[in-house]
Amino acid sequence: MKRPHLVNQRENEQGDFWCTVRGGNGANLLTSETYPSRSNAVRAARAYIASVDPVPVVFTYWTGDRPRDVGQTARGLVRSAKTERIR
């Protein structure tokens, strides 16, 4: 069985969102451009995943509050990582 590519959606407190791709050996293959929204970064990651079709992929992305919204919410930061295994 082939080792999967690891695709991670990342974000920072300034509201920038991007994706990184690592090979099965853990080496960085690419880093995407930054996007203004989380959904755009996830969409770009899914486009990459579709373009490498028989390669297995593990895709991890964030859901919930964004890091920059911490001061705006009374309950603090509530977010979680979701992981999908594709192929």
Foldseek 3Di string as FASTA:
>chain_A
DAQAKEKEWDADLVQWIWIWIAHSVRHTDDIGDTDNHQVVRVVVSVVVCVVVPPGKYKYKYKDFDDNNCQVVDPVGGDMDIDIDIDD
